[in-house]
Amino acid sequence: MDWVDLLPQGGDRGYNSFLMLSDRFSKTPMFSTCHRDDKAMDTALLIWNIVVSWTGIFTNIISERDPKFTSELWKNFHQLFGTKLSFSTATTHKLMV
């Protein structure tokens, strides 16, 4: 999971980023347009609408240490669904489980 940002604004809503998600097992990529300043709740809703509706509840998310994922909202989100959040480092992408 990663954000690609600093893109030129596009679309009716002025999107300037997109969220890229990938299923670790099927390698299926999933993309959604978003805004660079989206909050954790916005990202949670994107993930719900894209991933959960397509693949079901996930068991693990791997992400860099983005503030959106270290927030209290995400801690509660993962606790609610019984998922585990694993962080990678930005330079080596090694998991910190």
PDB file of N, CA and C in Angstrom:
ATOM      1  N   MET A   1       0.839  -1.155   0.000  1.00  0.00           N
ATOM      2  CA  MET A   1       0.000   0.000   0.000  1.00  0.00           C
ATOM      3  C   MET A   1       0.891   1.226   0.000  1.00  0.00           C
ATOM      4  N   ASP A   2       0.566   2.170  -0.886  1.00  0.00           N
ATOM      5  CA  ASP A   2       1.384   3.377  -0.976  1.00  0.00           C
ATOM      6  C   ASP A   2       0.578   4.479  -1.646  1.00  0.00           C
ATOM      7  N   TRP A   3       0.976   5.699  -1.375  1.00  0.00           N
ATOM      8  CA  TRP A   3       0.371   6.858  -2.018  1.00  0.00           C
ATOM      9  C   TRP A   3       1.329   7.399  -3.064  1.00  0.00           C
ATOM     10  N   VAL A   4       0.788   7.788  -4.190  1.00  0.00           N
ATOM     11  CA  VAL A   4       1.547   8.496  -5.215  1.00  0.00           C
ATOM     12  C   VAL A   4       0.938   9.885  -5.256  1.00  0.00           C
ATOM     13  N   ASP A   5       1.759  10.892  -4.939  1.00  0.00           N
ATOM     14  CA  ASP A   5       1.190  12.238  -4.856  1.00  0.00           C
ATOM     15  C   ASP A   5       2.011  13.241  -5.652  1.00  0.00           C
ATOM     16  N   LEU A   6       1.689  14.487  -5.472  1.00  0.00           N
ATOM     17  CA  LEU A   6       2.280  15.606  -6.204  1.00  0.00           C
ATOM     18  C   LEU A   6       1.984  15.500  -7.699  1.00  0.00           C
ATOM     19  N   LEU A   7       0.834  14.948  -8.018  1.00  0.00           N
ATOM     20  CA  LEU A   7       0.391  14.868  -9.406  1.00  0.00           C
ATOM     21  C   LEU A   7      -0.371  16.143  -9.754  1.00  0.00           C
ATOM     22  N   PRO A   8      -0.467  16.493 -11.028  1.00  0.00           N
ATOM     23  CA  PRO A   8      -1.291  17.648 -11.395  1.00  0.00           C
ATOM     24  C   PRO A   8      -2.757  17.358 -11.063  1.00  0.00           C
ATOM     25  N   GLN A   9      -3.463  18.393 -10.631  1.00  0.00           N
ATOM     26  CA  GLN A   9      -4.868  18.208 -10.280  1.00  0.00           C
ATOM     27  C   GLN A   9      -5.661  17.762 -11.495  1.00  0.00           C
ATOM     28  N   GLY A  10      -6.591  16.858 -11.258  1.00  0.00           N
ATOM     29  CA  GLY A  10      -7.402  16.359 -12.354  1.00  0.00           C
ATOM     30  C   GLY A  10      -8.788  15.969 -11.898  1.00  0.00           C
ATOM     31  N   GLY A  11      -9.681  15.853 -12.841  1.00  0.00           N
ATOM     32  CA  GLY A  11     -11.048  15.455 -12.540  1.00  0.00           C
ATOM     33  C   GLY A  11     -11.869  16.595 -11.971  1.00  0.00           C
ATOM     34  N   ASP A  12     -13.144  16.342 -11.817  1.00  0.00           N
ATOM     35  CA  ASP A  12     -14.063  17.353 -11.290  1.00  0.00           C
ATOM     36  C   ASP A  12     -13.754  17.730  -9.845  1.00  0.00           C
ATOM     37  N   ARG A  13     -13.173  16.821  -9.098  1.00  0.00           N
ATOM     38  CA  ARG A  13     -12.919  17.052  -7.673  1.00  0.00           C
ATOM     39  C   ARG A  13     -11.483  17.461  -7.377  1.00  0.00           C
ATOM     40  N   GLY A  14     -10.679  17.659  -8.389  1.00  0.00           N
ATOM     41  CA  GLY A  14      -9.315  18.133  -8.199  1.00  0.00           C
ATOM     42  C   GLY A  14      -8.394  17.139  -7.523  1.00  0.00           C
ATOM     43  N   TYR A  15      -8.525  15.861  -7.849  1.00  0.00           N
ATOM     44  CA  TYR A  15      -7.642  14.856  -7.258  1.00  0.00           C
ATOM     45  C   TYR A  15      -6.199  15.138  -7.650  1.00  0.00           C
ATOM     46  N   ASN A  16      -5.272  14.948  -6.690  1.00  0.00           N
ATOM     47  CA  ASN A  16      -3.860  15.173  -6.970  1.00  0.00           C
ATOM     48  C   ASN A  16      -2.979  14.023  -6.479  1.00  0.00           C
ATOM     49  N   SER A  17      -3.593  12.907  -6.119  1.00  0.00           N
ATOM     50  CA  SER A  17      -2.869  11.729  -5.638  1.00  0.00           C
ATOM     51  C   SER A  17      -3.678  10.488  -5.967  1.00  0.00           C
ATOM     52  N   PHE A  18      -3.036   9.347  -5.792  1.00  0.00           N
ATOM     53  CA  PHE A  18      -3.820   8.116  -5.804  1.00  0.00           C
ATOM     54  C   PHE A  18      -3.231   7.133  -4.812  1.00  0.00           C
ATOM     55  N   LEU A  19      -4.098   6.295  -4.310  1.00  0.00           N
ATOM     56  CA  LEU A  19      -3.730   5.260  -3.361  1.00  0.00           C
ATOM     57  C   LEU A  19      -3.605   3.960  -4.135  1.00  0.00           C
ATOM     58  N   MET A  20      -2.464   3.303  -3.983  1.00  0.00           N
ATOM     59  CA  MET A  20      -2.231   2.036  -4.647  1.00  0.00           C
ATOM     60  C   MET A  20      -2.218   0.931  -3.602  1.00  0.00           C
ATOM     61  N   LEU A  21      -3.016  -0.073  -3.824  1.00  0.00           N
ATOM     62  CA  LEU A  21      -3.077  -1.228  -2.933  1.00  0.00           C
ATOM     63  C   LEU A  21      -2.784  -2.465  -3.760  1.00  0.00           C
ATOM     64  N   SER A  22      -2.213  -3.459  -3.137  1.00  0.00           N
ATOM     65  CA  SER A  22      -1.915  -4.693  -3.852  1.00  0.00           C
ATOM     66  C   SER A  22      -2.192  -5.876  -2.939  1.00  0.00           C
ATOM     67  N   ASP A  23      -2.904  -6.848  -3.465  1.00  0.00           N
ATOM     68  CA  ASP A  23      -3.138  -8.086  -2.739  1.00  0.00           C
ATOM     69  C   ASP A  23      -1.844  -8.886  -2.781  1.00  0.00           C
ATOM     70  N   ARG A  24      -1.329  -9.208  -1.630  1.00  0.00           N
ATOM     71  CA  ARG A  24      -0.032  -9.869  -1.544  1.00  0.00           C
ATOM     72  C   ARG A  24      -0.027 -11.246  -2.198  1.00  0.00           C
ATOM     73  N   PHE A  25      -1.155 -11.927  -2.211  1.00  0.00           N
ATOM     74  CA  PHE A  25      -1.189 -13.287  -2.743  1.00  0.00           C
ATOM     75  C   PHE A  25      -1.508 -13.331  -4.230  1.00  0.00           C
ATOM     76  N   SER A  26      -2.513 -12.588  -4.661  1.00  0.00           N
ATOM     77  CA  SER A  26      -2.879 -12.620  -6.081  1.00  0.00           C
ATOM     78  C   SER A  26      -2.095 -11.599  -6.897  1.00  0.00           C
ATOM     79  N   LYS A  27      -1.410 -10.687  -6.219  1.00  0.00           N
ATOM     80  CA  LYS A  27      -0.659  -9.602  -6.864  1.00  0.00           C
ATOM     81  C   LYS A  27      -1.566  -8.656  -7.651  1.00  0.00           C
ATOM     82  N   THR A  28      -2.846  -8.672  -7.355  1.00  0.00           N
ATOM     83  CA  THR A  28      -3.800  -7.812  -8.040  1.00  0.00           C
ATOM     84  C   THR A  28      -3.649  -6.378  -7.546  1.00  0.00           C
ATOM     85  N   PRO A  29      -3.373  -5.441  -8.447  1.00  0.00           N
ATOM     86  CA  PRO A  29      -3.280  -4.038  -8.025  1.00  0.00           C
ATOM     87  C   PRO A  29      -4.667  -3.399  -7.974  1.00  0.00           C
ATOM     88  N   MET A  30      -4.843  -2.492  -7.022  1.00  0.00           N
ATOM     89  CA  MET A  30      -6.082  -1.732  -6.887  1.00  0.00           C
ATOM     90  C   MET A  30      -5.693  -0.273  -6.704  1.00  0.00           C
ATOM     91  N   PHE A  31      -6.383   0.619  -7.381  1.00  0.00           N
ATOM     92  CA  PHE A  31      -6.047   2.035  -7.346  1.00  0.00           C
ATOM     93  C   PHE A  31      -7.287   2.862  -7.045  1.00  0.00           C
ATOM     94  N   SER A  32      -7.080   3.991  -6.388  1.00  0.00           N
ATOM     95  CA  SER A  32      -8.173   4.935  -6.169  1.00  0.00           C
ATOM     96  C   SER A  32      -7.606   6.347  -6.128  1.00  0.00           C
ATOM     97  N   THR A  33      -8.272   7.244  -6.818  1.00  0.00           N
ATOM     98  CA  THR A  33      -7.859   8.643  -6.762  1.00  0.00           C
ATOM     99  C   THR A  33      -8.193   9.213  -5.395  1.00  0.00           C
ATOM    100  N   CYS A  34      -7.390  10.173  -4.956  1.00  0.00           N
ATOM    101  CA  CYS A  34      -7.611  10.797  -3.655  1.00  0.00           C
ATOM    102  C   CYS A  34      -6.927  12.163  -3.647  1.00  0.00           C
ATOM    103  N   HIS A  35      -6.983  12.809  -2.511  1.00  0.00           N
ATOM    104  CA  HIS A  35      -6.325  14.102  -2.337  1.00  0.00           C
ATOM    105  C   HIS A  35      -5.106  13.930  -1.441  1.00  0.00           C
ATOM    106  N   ARG A  36      -4.089  14.702  -1.678  1.00  0.00           N
ATOM    107  CA  ARG A  36      -2.855  14.592  -0.899  1.00  0.00           C
ATOM    108  C   ARG A  36      -3.092  14.830   0.584  1.00  0.00           C
ATOM    109  N   ASP A  37      -4.045  15.709   0.916  1.00  0.00           N
ATOM    110  CA  ASP A  37      -4.288  16.042   2.322  1.00  0.00           C
ATOM    111  C   ASP A  37      -5.428  15.233   2.939  1.00  0.00           C
ATOM    112  N   ASP A  38      -5.804  14.105   2.340  1.00  0.00           N
ATOM    113  CA  ASP A  38      -6.834  13.247   2.932  1.00  0.00           C
ATOM    114  C   ASP A  38      -6.400  12.801   4.323  1.00  0.00           C
ATOM    115  N   LYS A  39      -7.356  12.698   5.199  1.00  0.00           N
ATOM    116  CA  LYS A  39      -7.111  12.265   6.578  1.00  0.00           C
ATOM    117  C   LYS A  39      -7.243  10.744   6.678  1.00  0.00           C
ATOM    118  N   ALA A  40      -6.956  10.229   7.865  1.00  0.00           N
ATOM    119  CA  ALA A  40      -7.023   8.785   8.090  1.00  0.00           C
ATOM    120  C   ALA A  40      -8.414   8.236   7.803  1.00  0.00           C
ATOM    121  N   MET A  41      -9.458   8.963   8.184  1.00  0.00           N
ATOM    122  CA  MET A  41     -10.820   8.494   7.939  1.00  0.00           C
ATOM    123  C   MET A  41     -11.104   8.388   6.438  1.00  0.00           C
ATOM    124  N   ASP A  42     -10.610   9.353   5.659  1.00  0.00           N
ATOM    125  CA  ASP A  42     -10.789   9.297   4.206  1.00  0.00           C
ATOM    126  C   ASP A  42     -10.130   8.044   3.633  1.00  0.00           C
ATOM    127  N   THR A  43      -8.932   7.748   4.122  1.00  0.00           N
ATOM    128  CA  THR A  43      -8.209   6.572   3.648  1.00  0.00           C
ATOM    129  C   THR A  43      -8.909   5.292   4.084  1.00  0.00           C
ATOM    130  N   ALA A  44      -9.419   5.278   5.302  1.00  0.00           N
ATOM    131  CA  ALA A  44     -10.160   4.104   5.780  1.00  0.00           C
ATOM    132  C   ALA A  44     -11.371   3.835   4.897  1.00  0.00           C
ATOM    133  N   LEU A  45     -12.076   4.891   4.521  1.00  0.00           N
ATOM    134  CA  LEU A  45     -13.241   4.725   3.648  1.00  0.00           C
ATOM    135  C   LEU A  45     -12.836   4.247   2.256  1.00  0.00           C
ATOM    136  N   LEU A  46     -11.719   4.764   1.745  1.00  0.00           N
ATOM    137  CA  LEU A  46     -11.221   4.285   0.447  1.00  0.00           C
ATOM    138  C   LEU A  46     -10.919   2.792   0.502  1.00  0.00           C
ATOM    139  N   ILE A  47     -10.223   2.382   1.549  1.00  0.00           N
ATOM    140  CA  ILE A  47      -9.865   0.974   1.689  1.00  0.00           C
ATOM    141  C   ILE A  47     -11.122   0.126   1.823  1.00  0.00           C
ATOM    142  N   TRP A  48     -12.073   0.607   2.605  1.00  0.00           N
ATOM    143  CA  TRP A  48     -13.319  -0.144   2.773  1.00  0.00           C
ATOM    144  C   TRP A  48     -14.018  -0.313   1.425  1.00  0.00           C
ATOM    145  N   ASN A  49     -14.124   0.775   0.683  1.00  0.00           N
ATOM    146  CA  ASN A  49     -14.841   0.739  -0.593  1.00  0.00           C
ATOM    147  C   ASN A  49     -14.117  -0.068  -1.663  1.00  0.00           C
ATOM    148  N   ILE A  50     -12.795  -0.052  -1.644  1.00  0.00           N
ATOM    149  CA  ILE A  50     -12.031  -0.745  -2.683  1.00  0.00           C
ATOM    150  C   ILE A  50     -11.755  -2.194  -2.294  1.00  0.00           C
ATOM    151  N   VAL A  51     -11.106  -2.374  -1.179  1.00  0.00           N
ATOM    152  CA  VAL A  51     -10.584  -3.691  -0.824  1.00  0.00           C
ATOM    153  C   VAL A  51     -11.634  -4.582  -0.187  1.00  0.00           C
ATOM    154  N   VAL A  52     -12.237  -4.101   0.877  1.00  0.00           N
ATOM    155  CA  VAL A  52     -13.140  -4.959   1.638  1.00  0.00           C
ATOM    156  C   VAL A  52     -14.330  -5.389   0.793  1.00  0.00           C
ATOM    157  N   SER A  53     -14.834  -4.493  -0.038  1.00  0.00           N
ATOM    158  CA  SER A  53     -15.967  -4.863  -0.886  1.00  0.00           C
ATOM    159  C   SER A  53     -15.564  -5.866  -1.965  1.00  0.00           C
ATOM    160  N   TRP A  54     -14.286  -5.914  -2.309  1.00  0.00           N
ATOM    161  CA  TRP A  54     -13.826  -6.802  -3.373  1.00  0.00           C
ATOM    162  C   TRP A  54     -13.253  -8.116  -2.840  1.00  0.00           C
ATOM    163  N   THR A  55     -12.420  -8.041  -1.792  1.00  0.00           N
ATOM    164  CA  THR A  55     -11.732  -9.238  -1.306  1.00  0.00           C
ATOM    165  C   THR A  55     -12.187  -9.696   0.067  1.00  0.00           C
ATOM    166  N   GLY A  56     -12.924  -8.865   0.785  1.00  0.00           N
ATOM    167  CA  GLY A  56     -13.302  -9.190   2.152  1.00  0.00           C
ATOM    168  C   GLY A  56     -12.328  -8.560   3.135  1.00  0.00           C
ATOM    169  N   ILE A  57     -12.532  -8.812   4.404  1.00  0.00           N
ATOM    170  CA  ILE A  57     -11.685  -8.239   5.455  1.00  0.00           C
ATOM    171  C   ILE A  57     -10.272  -8.798   5.314  1.00  0.00           C
ATOM    172  N   PHE A  58      -9.295  -7.924   5.396  1.00  0.00           N
ATOM    173  CA  PHE A  58      -7.898  -8.318   5.281  1.00  0.00           C
ATOM    174  C   PHE A  58      -7.363  -8.713   6.643  1.00  0.00           C
ATOM    175  N   THR A  59      -6.279  -9.459   6.654  1.00  0.00           N
ATOM    176  CA  THR A  59      -5.678  -9.883   7.915  1.00  0.00           C
ATOM    177  C   THR A  59      -4.417  -9.109   8.245  1.00  0.00           C
ATOM    178  N   ASN A  60      -3.833  -8.442   7.256  1.00  0.00           N
ATOM    179  CA  ASN A  60      -2.578  -7.734   7.488  1.00  0.00           C
ATOM    180  C   ASN A  60      -2.449  -6.624   6.458  1.00  0.00           C
ATOM    181  N   ILE A  61      -1.954  -5.468   6.896  1.00  0.00           N
ATOM    182  CA  ILE A  61      -1.631  -4.361   5.999  1.00  0.00           C
ATOM    183  C   ILE A  61      -0.162  -4.043   6.195  1.00  0.00           C
ATOM    184  N   ILE A  62       0.570  -3.886   5.099  1.00  0.00           N
ATOM    185  CA  ILE A  62       1.973  -3.491   5.169  1.00  0.00           C
ATOM    186  C   ILE A  62       2.073  -2.079   4.626  1.00  0.00           C
ATOM    187  N   SER A  63       2.641  -1.184   5.416  1.00  0.00           N
ATOM    188  CA  SER A  63       2.742   0.217   5.016  1.00  0.00           C
ATOM    189  C   SER A  63       3.974   0.835   5.649  1.00  0.00           C
ATOM    190  N   GLU A  64       4.428   1.935   5.027  1.00  0.00           N
ATOM    191  CA  GLU A  64       5.469   2.720   5.665  1.00  0.00           C
ATOM    192  C   GLU A  64       4.866   3.388   6.895  1.00  0.00           C
ATOM    193  N   ARG A  65       5.659   4.025   7.690  1.00  0.00           N
ATOM    194  CA  ARG A  65       5.179   4.635   8.927  1.00  0.00           C
ATOM    195  C   ARG A  65       4.503   5.973   8.670  1.00  0.00           C
ATOM    196  N   ASP A  66       3.504   5.951   7.869  1.00  0.00           N
ATOM    197  CA  ASP A  66       2.760   7.159   7.543  1.00  0.00           C
ATOM    198  C   ASP A  66       1.901   7.565   8.737  1.00  0.00           C
ATOM    199  N   PRO A  67       1.807   8.860   9.055  1.00  0.00           N
ATOM    200  CA  PRO A  67       0.981   9.301  10.182  1.00  0.00           C
ATOM    201  C   PRO A  67      -0.475   8.854  10.072  1.00  0.00           C
ATOM    202  N   LYS A  68      -0.951   8.645   8.859  1.00  0.00           N
ATOM    203  CA  LYS A  68      -2.332   8.191   8.698  1.00  0.00           C
ATOM    204  C   LYS A  68      -2.539   6.810   9.304  1.00  0.00           C
ATOM    205  N   PHE A  69      -1.482   6.012   9.368  1.00  0.00           N
ATOM    206  CA  PHE A  69      -1.618   4.665   9.893  1.00  0.00           C
ATOM    207  C   PHE A  69      -1.176   4.535  11.334  1.00  0.00           C
ATOM    208  N   THR A  70      -0.554   5.541  11.875  1.00  0.00           N
ATOM    209  CA  THR A  70      -0.166   5.481  13.276  1.00  0.00           C
ATOM    210  C   THR A  70      -1.162   6.232  14.146  1.00  0.00           C
ATOM    211  N   SER A  71      -2.207   6.737  13.547  1.00  0.00           N
ATOM    212  CA  SER A  71      -3.204   7.501  14.292  1.00  0.00           C
ATOM    213  C   SER A  71      -4.075   6.584  15.142  1.00  0.00           C
ATOM    214  N   GLU A  72      -4.743   7.183  16.100  1.00  0.00           N
ATOM    215  CA  GLU A  72      -5.638   6.448  16.988  1.00  0.00           C
ATOM    216  C   GLU A  72      -6.781   5.790  16.206  1.00  0.00           C
ATOM    217  N   LEU A  73      -7.249   6.455  15.158  1.00  0.00           N
ATOM    218  CA  LEU A  73      -8.317   5.884  14.336  1.00  0.00           C
ATOM    219  C   LEU A  73      -7.911   4.524  13.789  1.00  0.00           C
ATOM    220  N   TRP A  74      -6.692   4.450  13.257  1.00  0.00           N
ATOM    221  CA  TRP A  74      -6.260   3.191  12.661  1.00  0.00           C
ATOM    222  C   TRP A  74      -6.006   2.119  13.704  1.00  0.00           C
ATOM    223  N   LYS A  75      -5.527   2.519  14.869  1.00  0.00           N
ATOM    224  CA  LYS A  75      -5.347   1.533  15.937  1.00  0.00           C
ATOM    225  C   LYS A  75      -6.691   0.910  16.297  1.00  0.00           C
ATOM    226  N   ASN A  76      -7.722   1.752  16.385  1.00  0.00           N
ATOM    227  CA  ASN A  76      -9.060   1.243  16.686  1.00  0.00           C
ATOM    228  C   ASN A  76      -9.621   0.422  15.528  1.00  0.00           C
ATOM    229  N   PHE A  77      -9.367   0.868  14.311  1.00  0.00           N
ATOM    230  CA  PHE A  77      -9.830   0.165  13.115  1.00  0.00           C
ATOM    231  C   PHE A  77      -9.288  -1.262  13.089  1.00  0.00           C
ATOM    232  N   HIS A  78      -7.999  -1.404  13.327  1.00  0.00           N
ATOM    233  CA  HIS A  78      -7.378  -2.728  13.305  1.00  0.00           C
ATOM    234  C   HIS A  78      -7.828  -3.581  14.477  1.00  0.00           C
ATOM    235  N   GLN A  79      -8.029  -2.958  15.626  1.00  0.00           N
ATOM    236  CA  GLN A  79      -8.515  -3.697  16.781  1.00  0.00           C
ATOM    237  C   GLN A  79      -9.934  -4.209  16.519  1.00  0.00           C
ATOM    238  N   LEU A  80     -10.764  -3.380  15.927  1.00  0.00           N
ATOM    239  CA  LEU A  80     -12.141  -3.750  15.629  1.00  0.00           C
ATOM    240  C   LEU A  80     -12.215  -4.949  14.690  1.00  0.00           C
ATOM    241  N   PHE A  81     -11.386  -4.957  13.649  1.00  0.00           N
ATOM    242  CA  PHE A  81     -11.439  -6.028  12.661  1.00  0.00           C
ATOM    243  C   PHE A  81     -10.475  -7.169  12.952  1.00  0.00           C
ATOM    244  N   GLY A  82      -9.671  -7.036  13.990  1.00  0.00           N
ATOM    245  CA  GLY A  82      -8.743  -8.106  14.321  1.00  0.00           C
ATOM    246  C   GLY A  82      -7.618  -8.256  13.321  1.00  0.00           C
ATOM    247  N   THR A  83      -7.238  -7.144  12.671  1.00  0.00           N
ATOM    248  CA  THR A  83      -6.158  -7.190  11.691  1.00  0.00           C
ATOM    249  C   THR A  83      -4.854  -6.752  12.330  1.00  0.00           C
ATOM    250  N   LYS A  84      -3.774  -6.985  11.631  1.00  0.00           N
ATOM    251  CA  LYS A  84      -2.453  -6.612  12.114  1.00  0.00           C
ATOM    252  C   LYS A  84      -1.841  -5.620  11.140  1.00  0.00           C
ATOM    253  N   LEU A  85      -1.256  -4.558  11.659  1.00  0.00           N
ATOM    254  CA  LEU A  85      -0.596  -3.556  10.833  1.00  0.00           C
ATOM    255  C   LEU A  85       0.905  -3.730  10.969  1.00  0.00           C
ATOM    256  N   SER A  86       1.579  -4.039   9.871  1.00  0.00           N
ATOM    257  CA  SER A  86       3.029  -4.210   9.857  1.00  0.00           C
ATOM    258  C   SER A  86       3.650  -3.022   9.147  1.00  0.00           C
ATOM    259  N   PHE A  87       4.704  -2.483   9.718  1.00  0.00           N
ATOM    260  CA  PHE A  87       5.369  -1.330   9.121  1.00  0.00           C
ATOM    261  C   PHE A  87       6.644  -1.766   8.415  1.00  0.00           C
ATOM    262  N   SER A  88       6.913  -1.135   7.288  1.00  0.00           N
ATOM    263  CA  SER A  88       8.185  -1.329   6.604  1.00  0.00           C
ATOM    264  C   SER A  88       8.969  -0.034   6.740  1.00  0.00           C
ATOM    265  N   THR A  89      10.270  -0.107   6.525  1.00  0.00           N
ATOM    266  CA  THR A  89      11.055   1.120   6.524  1.00  0.00           C
ATOM    267  C   THR A  89      11.013   1.709   5.125  1.00  0.00           C
ATOM    268  N   ALA A  90      11.148   3.000   5.026  1.00  0.00           N
ATOM    269  CA  ALA A  90      10.990   3.681   3.738  1.00  0.00           C
ATOM    270  C   ALA A  90      12.079   3.304   2.742  1.00  0.00           C
ATOM    271  N   THR A  91      13.253   2.961   3.220  1.00  0.00           N
ATOM    272  CA  THR A  91      14.356   2.715   2.292  1.00  0.00           C
ATOM    273  C   THR A  91      14.538   1.250   1.935  1.00  0.00           C
ATOM    274  N   THR A  92      14.270   0.339   2.849  1.00  0.00           N
ATOM    275  CA  THR A  92      14.548  -1.066   2.572  1.00  0.00           C
ATOM    276  C   THR A  92      13.305  -1.922   2.412  1.00  0.00           C
ATOM    277  N   HIS A  93      12.165  -1.436   2.821  1.00  0.00           N
ATOM    278  CA  HIS A  93      10.906  -2.168   2.769  1.00  0.00           C
ATOM    279  C   HIS A  93      10.970  -3.493   3.510  1.00  0.00           C
ATOM    280  N   LYS A  94      11.805  -3.556   4.548  1.00  0.00           N
ATOM    281  CA  LYS A  94      11.819  -4.733   5.402  1.00  0.00           C
ATOM    282  C   LYS A  94      10.699  -4.572   6.420  1.00  0.00           C
ATOM    283  N   LEU A  95      10.042  -5.668   6.718  1.00  0.00           N
ATOM    284  CA  LEU A  95       8.918  -5.612   7.637  1.00  0.00           C
ATOM    285  C   LEU A  95       9.382  -5.545   9.072  1.00  0.00           C
ATOM    286  N   MET A  96       8.654  -4.761   9.851  1.00  0.00           N
ATOM    287  CA  MET A  96       8.887  -4.684  11.285  1.00  0.00           C
ATOM    288  C   MET A  96       7.659  -5.285  11.952  1.00  0.00           C
ATOM    289  N   VAL A  97       7.664  -6.593  12.147  1.00  0.00           N
ATOM    290  CA  VAL A  97       6.486  -7.303  12.656  1.00  0.00           C
ATOM    291  C   VAL A  97       6.558  -7.426  14.149  1.00  0.00           C
TER     292      VAL A  97
END
